Amino acid sequence: MSFHRNGASDRLSRRELNLQSFDEVLAEARSLSRVGYHRVSKWSLGQICDHVSRFMDDSIDGFKSTPRFAPLVRPFFRMMYMGKVLRNERIPAKMPTLKELEPDEWTEDAHALPQLEKAITRIQDPSTQFVTSPVFGNLTADQWRQVHLWHCQHHLEFLIPAARDAQANAPQA
């Protein structure tokens, strides 16, 4: 449930998360679904879950389309961003989303959580074979999992739990 369904809040800023596992990703997503949230950016929890799930699935099943310029920019992205992603650092640059990975405008939170759970189960399977990343090139399975963990964290940072409001407005003792 988003309190800013038609757009992001202009009063809030992105929060910092430090998610160390996919169990923590799922716990955070479930918590946001339960307590509600404010959006700092344009996507709801359902849209974020849909987006990161599609990216996980495509990293296994293959990306439907890759921009023709991808091989040209891949060395730059790998040099500039790969280490930061693997070290779980924030990246301020906003990268455009491939059209097929953009979420549906009205993806509901409750429908997207099971989609995220299924995608995480797939990527955690030790026998999973990943394809080449359109942005970073060839990655090991562990590197792919780190990319996905970072990607989930990156997007979830743009949702602020609504329960925080109740704590902030509680009378001081």
C-alpha atoms as a PDB file:
ATOM      1  CA  MET A   1       0.000   0.000   0.000  1.00  0.00           C
ATOM      2  CA  SER A   2       1.509   3.291  -1.058  1.00  0.00           C
ATOM      3  CA  PHE A   3       0.454   6.608   0.379  1.00  0.00           C
ATOM      4  CA  HIS A   4       1.655   8.361  -2.765  1.00  0.00           C
ATOM      5  CA  ARG A   5       0.083   6.117  -5.420  1.00  0.00           C
ATOM      6  CA  ASN A   6       0.243   8.751  -8.152  1.00  0.00           C
ATOM      7  CA  GLY A   7       3.764   9.939  -7.547  1.00  0.00           C
ATOM      8  CA  ALA A   8       6.702  10.263  -5.237  1.00  0.00           C
ATOM      9  CA  SER A   9       6.825  12.353  -2.114  1.00  0.00           C
ATOM     10  CA  ASP A  10       8.832  15.547  -2.321  1.00  0.00           C
ATOM     11  CA  ARG A  11       9.360  15.621   1.466  1.00  0.00           C
ATOM     12  CA  LEU A  12      11.323  12.401   1.895  1.00  0.00           C
ATOM     13  CA  SER A  13      14.771  11.309   0.831  1.00  0.00           C
ATOM     14  CA  ARG A  14      16.088   7.877   0.009  1.00  0.00           C
ATOM     15  CA  ARG A  15      17.019   5.792   3.032  1.00  0.00           C
ATOM     16  CA  GLU A  16      20.076   3.589   3.487  1.00  0.00           C
ATOM     17  CA  LEU A  17      19.691  -0.166   3.741  1.00  0.00           C
ATOM     18  CA  ASN A  18      22.355  -2.805   4.235  1.00  0.00           C
ATOM     19  CA  LEU A  19      20.730  -6.042   3.135  1.00  0.00           C
ATOM     20  CA  GLN A  20      23.098  -8.995   3.441  1.00  0.00           C
ATOM     21  CA  SER A  21      20.880 -11.810   2.171  1.00  0.00           C
ATOM     22  CA  PHE A  22      17.830 -12.555   0.080  1.00  0.00           C
ATOM     23  CA  ASP A  23      16.018 -13.530   3.285  1.00  0.00           C
ATOM     24  CA  GLU A  24      16.528  -9.924   4.406  1.00  0.00           C
ATOM     25  CA  VAL A  25      15.232  -8.672   1.035  1.00  0.00           C
ATOM     26  CA  LEU A  26      12.066 -10.719   1.443  1.00  0.00           C
ATOM     27  CA  ALA A  27      11.645  -9.652   5.074  1.00  0.00           C
ATOM     28  CA  GLU A  28      11.978  -5.985   4.063  1.00  0.00           C
ATOM     29  CA  ALA A  29       9.487  -6.349   1.198  1.00  0.00           C
ATOM     30  CA  ARG A  30       6.981  -8.169   3.419  1.00  0.00           C
ATOM     31  CA  SER A  31       7.374  -5.552   6.143  1.00  0.00           C
ATOM     32  CA  LEU A  32       6.767  -2.696   3.692  1.00  0.00           C
ATOM     33  CA  SER A  33       3.700  -4.502   2.397  1.00  0.00           C
ATOM     34  CA  ARG A  34       2.399  -4.959   5.936  1.00  0.00           C
ATOM     35  CA  VAL A  35       3.060  -1.485   7.437  1.00  0.00           C
ATOM     36  CA  GLY A  36       2.708   0.617   4.293  1.00  0.00           C
ATOM     37  CA  TYR A  37       5.249   3.037   2.866  1.00  0.00           C
ATOM     38  CA  HIS A  38       5.916   6.379   1.271  1.00  0.00           C
ATOM     39  CA  ARG A  39       7.545   6.493  -2.151  1.00  0.00           C
ATOM     40  CA  VAL A  40      10.601   8.655  -2.678  1.00  0.00           C
ATOM     41  CA  SER A  41      10.741   7.722  -6.360  1.00  0.00           C
ATOM     42  CA  LYS A  42       8.156   6.741  -8.941  1.00  0.00           C
ATOM     43  CA  TRP A  43       7.736   2.992  -8.327  1.00  0.00           C
ATOM     44  CA  SER A  44       5.560   1.224  -5.759  1.00  0.00           C
ATOM     45  CA  LEU A  45       6.624  -1.914  -3.899  1.00  0.00           C
ATOM     46  CA  GLY A  46       4.708  -4.023  -6.416  1.00  0.00           C
ATOM     47  CA  GLN A  47       6.465  -2.330  -9.315  1.00  0.00           C
ATOM     48  CA  ILE A  48       9.870  -2.760  -7.674  1.00  0.00           C
ATOM     49  CA  CYS A  49       9.234  -6.457  -6.972  1.00  0.00           C
ATOM     50  CA  ASP A  50       8.050  -6.934 -10.562  1.00  0.00           C
ATOM     51  CA  HIS A  51      11.112  -5.153 -11.964  1.00  0.00           C
ATOM     52  CA  VAL A  52      13.770  -6.936  -9.905  1.00  0.00           C
ATOM     53  CA  SER A  53      12.003 -10.295 -10.450  1.00  0.00           C
ATOM     54  CA  ARG A  54      11.999  -9.826 -14.214  1.00  0.00           C
ATOM     55  CA  PHE A  55      15.687  -8.938 -14.096  1.00  0.00           C
ATOM     56  CA  MET A  56      16.436 -12.076 -12.057  1.00  0.00           C
ATOM     57  CA  ASP A  57      14.448 -14.253 -14.449  1.00  0.00           C
ATOM     58  CA  ASP A  58      16.118 -12.710 -17.502  1.00  0.00           C
ATOM     59  CA  SER A  59      19.562 -13.289 -15.978  1.00  0.00           C
ATOM     60  CA  ILE A  60      18.709 -17.000 -16.179  1.00  0.00           C
ATOM     61  CA  ASP A  61      16.379 -17.240 -19.189  1.00  0.00           C
ATOM     62  CA  GLY A  62      18.147 -14.657 -21.338  1.00  0.00           C
ATOM     63  CA  PHE A  63      17.463 -10.998 -22.018  1.00  0.00           C
ATOM     64  CA  LYS A  64      14.889 -10.481 -24.757  1.00  0.00           C
ATOM     65  CA  SER A  65      16.740  -7.551 -26.227  1.00  0.00           C
ATOM     66  CA  THR A  66      20.021  -5.857 -25.526  1.00  0.00           C
ATOM     67  CA  PRO A  67      20.763  -2.400 -26.873  1.00  0.00           C
ATOM     68  CA  ARG A  68      23.160  -2.533 -29.812  1.00  0.00           C
ATOM     69  CA  PHE A  69      25.521  -0.161 -28.039  1.00  0.00           C
ATOM     70  CA  ALA A  70      25.805  -2.460 -24.975  1.00  0.00           C
ATOM     71  CA  PRO A  71      29.099  -4.083 -26.040  1.00  0.00           C
ATOM     72  CA  LEU A  72      30.596  -0.613 -26.499  1.00  0.00           C
ATOM     73  CA  VAL A  73      29.638   0.682 -23.030  1.00  0.00           C
ATOM     74  CA  ARG A  74      30.128  -2.608 -21.168  1.00  0.00           C
ATOM     75  CA  PRO A  75      33.833  -2.026 -20.374  1.00  0.00           C
ATOM     76  CA  PHE A  76      33.005   1.442 -19.017  1.00  0.00           C
ATOM     77  CA  PHE A  77      30.156   0.157 -16.823  1.00  0.00           C
ATOM     78  CA  ARG A  78      32.241  -2.750 -15.607  1.00  0.00           C
ATOM     79  CA  MET A  79      35.147  -0.461 -14.697  1.00  0.00           C
ATOM     80  CA  MET A  80      33.011   2.288 -13.137  1.00  0.00           C
ATOM     81  CA  TYR A  81      30.285   0.321 -11.374  1.00  0.00           C
ATOM     82  CA  MET A  82      31.009  -3.393 -10.999  1.00  0.00           C
ATOM     83  CA  GLY A  83      33.330  -3.016  -8.010  1.00  0.00           C
ATOM     84  CA  LYS A  84      30.908  -0.640  -6.299  1.00  0.00           C
ATOM     85  CA  VAL A  85      28.025  -3.073  -6.752  1.00  0.00           C
ATOM     86  CA  LEU A  86      30.082  -6.004  -5.436  1.00  0.00           C
ATOM     87  CA  ARG A  87      31.157  -3.893  -2.407  1.00  0.00           C
ATOM     88  CA  ASN A  88      27.497  -2.940  -1.861  1.00  0.00           C
ATOM     89  CA  GLU A  89      28.142   0.784  -2.361  1.00  0.00           C
ATOM     90  CA  ARG A  90      25.531   3.295  -3.420  1.00  0.00           C
ATOM     91  CA  ILE A  91      25.549   4.443  -7.010  1.00  0.00           C
ATOM     92  CA  PRO A  92      24.026   7.870  -7.471  1.00  0.00           C
ATOM     93  CA  ALA A  93      23.753   7.634 -11.253  1.00  0.00           C
ATOM     94  CA  LYS A  94      20.338   6.704 -12.561  1.00  0.00           C
ATOM     95  CA  MET A  95      20.601   4.145 -15.319  1.00  0.00           C
ATOM     96  CA  PRO A  96      17.760   3.767 -17.791  1.00  0.00           C
ATOM     97  CA  THR A  97      15.658   0.611 -17.536  1.00  0.00           C
ATOM     98  CA  LEU A  98      15.305  -1.714 -20.511  1.00  0.00           C
ATOM     99  CA  LYS A  99      11.715  -1.526 -21.798  1.00  0.00           C
ATOM    100  CA  GLU A 100      11.005  -5.214 -21.142  1.00  0.00           C
ATOM    101  CA  LEU A 101      12.098  -4.811 -17.508  1.00  0.00           C
ATOM    102  CA  GLU A 102       9.838  -1.847 -16.792  1.00  0.00           C
ATOM    103  CA  PRO A 103       7.038  -2.789 -14.420  1.00  0.00           C
ATOM    104  CA  ASP A 104       3.375  -2.491 -15.239  1.00  0.00           C
ATOM    105  CA  GLU A 105       1.998   0.815 -13.962  1.00  0.00           C
ATOM    106  CA  TRP A 106      -0.556  -0.889 -11.709  1.00  0.00           C
ATOM    107  CA  THR A 107       1.375  -3.887 -10.410  1.00  0.00           C
ATOM    108  CA  GLU A 108      -0.151  -4.655  -7.025  1.00  0.00           C
ATOM    109  CA  ASP A 109       2.102  -5.257  -4.036  1.00  0.00           C
ATOM    110  CA  ALA A 110       0.314  -8.454  -2.975  1.00  0.00           C
ATOM    111  CA  HIS A 111       0.656 -10.003  -6.440  1.00  0.00           C
ATOM    112  CA  ALA A 112       4.302  -9.064  -6.894  1.00  0.00           C
ATOM    113  CA  LEU A 113       5.623 -10.465  -3.594  1.00  0.00           C
ATOM    114  CA  PRO A 114       5.099 -14.122  -4.646  1.00  0.00           C
ATOM    115  CA  GLN A 115       6.753 -13.252  -7.973  1.00  0.00           C
ATOM    116  CA  LEU A 116       9.804 -11.963  -6.056  1.00  0.00           C
ATOM    117  CA  GLU A 117       9.871 -15.057  -3.833  1.00  0.00           C
ATOM    118  CA  LYS A 118       9.822 -17.332  -6.890  1.00  0.00           C
ATOM    119  CA  ALA A 119      12.590 -15.381  -8.661  1.00  0.00           C
ATOM    120  CA  ILE A 120      14.791 -15.433  -5.556  1.00  0.00           C
ATOM    121  CA  THR A 121      14.288 -19.192  -5.215  1.00  0.00           C
ATOM    122  CA  ARG A 122      15.428 -19.608  -8.824  1.00  0.00           C
ATOM    123  CA  ILE A 123      18.609 -17.546  -8.504  1.00  0.00           C
ATOM    124  CA  GLN A 124      19.579 -19.184  -5.214  1.00  0.00           C
ATOM    125  CA  ASP A 125      19.438 -22.688  -6.669  1.00  0.00           C
ATOM    126  CA  PRO A 126      23.086 -23.875  -6.783  1.00  0.00           C
ATOM    127  CA  SER A 127      22.535 -25.457 -10.215  1.00  0.00           C
ATOM    128  CA  THR A 128      21.303 -22.197 -11.790  1.00  0.00           C
ATOM    129  CA  GLN A 129      23.154 -21.166 -14.941  1.00  0.00           C
ATOM    130  CA  PHE A 130      23.236 -17.427 -15.638  1.00  0.00           C
ATOM    131  CA  VAL A 131      23.584 -15.676 -19.000  1.00  0.00           C
ATOM    132  CA  THR A 132      25.949 -12.829 -19.871  1.00  0.00           C
ATOM    133  CA  SER A 133      25.012  -9.507 -18.299  1.00  0.00           C
ATOM    134  CA  PRO A 134      24.156  -6.840 -20.871  1.00  0.00           C
ATOM    135  CA  VAL A 135      25.818  -4.258 -18.596  1.00  0.00           C
ATOM    136  CA  PHE A 136      28.748  -6.085 -16.973  1.00  0.00           C
ATOM    137  CA  GLY A 137      29.527  -8.960 -19.364  1.00  0.00           C
ATOM    138  CA  ASN A 138      30.425 -12.403 -18.049  1.00  0.00           C
ATOM    139  CA  LEU A 139      29.781 -12.861 -14.336  1.00  0.00           C
ATOM    140  CA  THR A 140      30.162 -15.825 -12.020  1.00  0.00           C
ATOM    141  CA  ALA A 141      27.025 -17.173 -10.332  1.00  0.00           C
ATOM    142  CA  ASP A 142      28.129 -15.560  -7.059  1.00  0.00           C
ATOM    143  CA  GLN A 143      28.697 -12.218  -8.792  1.00  0.00           C
ATOM    144  CA  TRP A 144      25.241 -12.420 -10.374  1.00  0.00           C
ATOM    145  CA  ARG A 145      23.710 -13.075  -6.959  1.00  0.00           C
ATOM    146  CA  GLN A 146      25.569 -10.060  -5.516  1.00  0.00           C
ATOM    147  CA  VAL A 147      24.308  -7.917  -8.401  1.00  0.00           C
ATOM    148  CA  HIS A 148      20.739  -9.048  -7.687  1.00  0.00           C
ATOM    149  CA  LEU A 149      21.076  -8.443  -3.950  1.00  0.00           C
ATOM    150  CA  TRP A 150      22.466  -4.951  -4.593  1.00  0.00           C
ATOM    151  CA  HIS A 151      19.724  -4.265  -7.170  1.00  0.00           C
ATOM    152  CA  CYS A 152      16.957  -5.224  -4.709  1.00  0.00           C
ATOM    153  CA  GLN A 153      18.499  -3.073  -1.987  1.00  0.00           C
ATOM    154  CA  HIS A 154      18.931  -0.145  -4.370  1.00  0.00           C
ATOM    155  CA  HIS A 155      15.234  -0.077  -5.261  1.00  0.00           C
ATOM    156  CA  LEU A 156      13.898  -0.805  -1.759  1.00  0.00           C
ATOM    157  CA  GLU A 157      15.831   2.227  -0.462  1.00  0.00           C
ATOM    158  CA  PHE A 158      13.275   4.409  -2.255  1.00  0.00           C
ATOM    159  CA  LEU A 159      10.409   3.181  -0.050  1.00  0.00           C
ATOM    160  CA  ILE A 160      10.110   4.629   3.459  1.00  0.00           C
ATOM    161  CA  PRO A 161       8.147   2.523   5.968  1.00  0.00           C
ATOM    162  CA  ALA A 162       4.983   4.296   7.110  1.00  0.00           C
ATOM    163  CA  ALA A 163       5.431   2.906  10.626  1.00  0.00           C
ATOM    164  CA  ARG A 164       8.249   5.419  10.931  1.00  0.00           C
ATOM    165  CA  ASP A 165       5.593   8.152  10.856  1.00  0.00           C
ATOM    166  CA  ALA A 166       3.790   6.677  13.841  1.00  0.00           C
ATOM    167  CA  GLN A 167       7.055   6.512  15.793  1.00  0.00           C
ATOM    168  CA  ALA A 168       7.971  10.093  14.857  1.00  0.00           C
ATOM    169  CA  ASN A 169       4.550  11.407  15.922  1.00  0.00           C
ATOM    170  CA  ALA A 170       4.408   9.509  19.224  1.00  0.00           C
ATOM    171  CA  PRO A 171       4.304  11.711  22.338  1.00  0.00           C
ATOM    172  CA  GLN A 172       7.695  12.158  23.979  1.00  0.00           C
ATOM    173  CA  ALA A 173       7.963  10.818  27.549  1.00  0.00           C
END
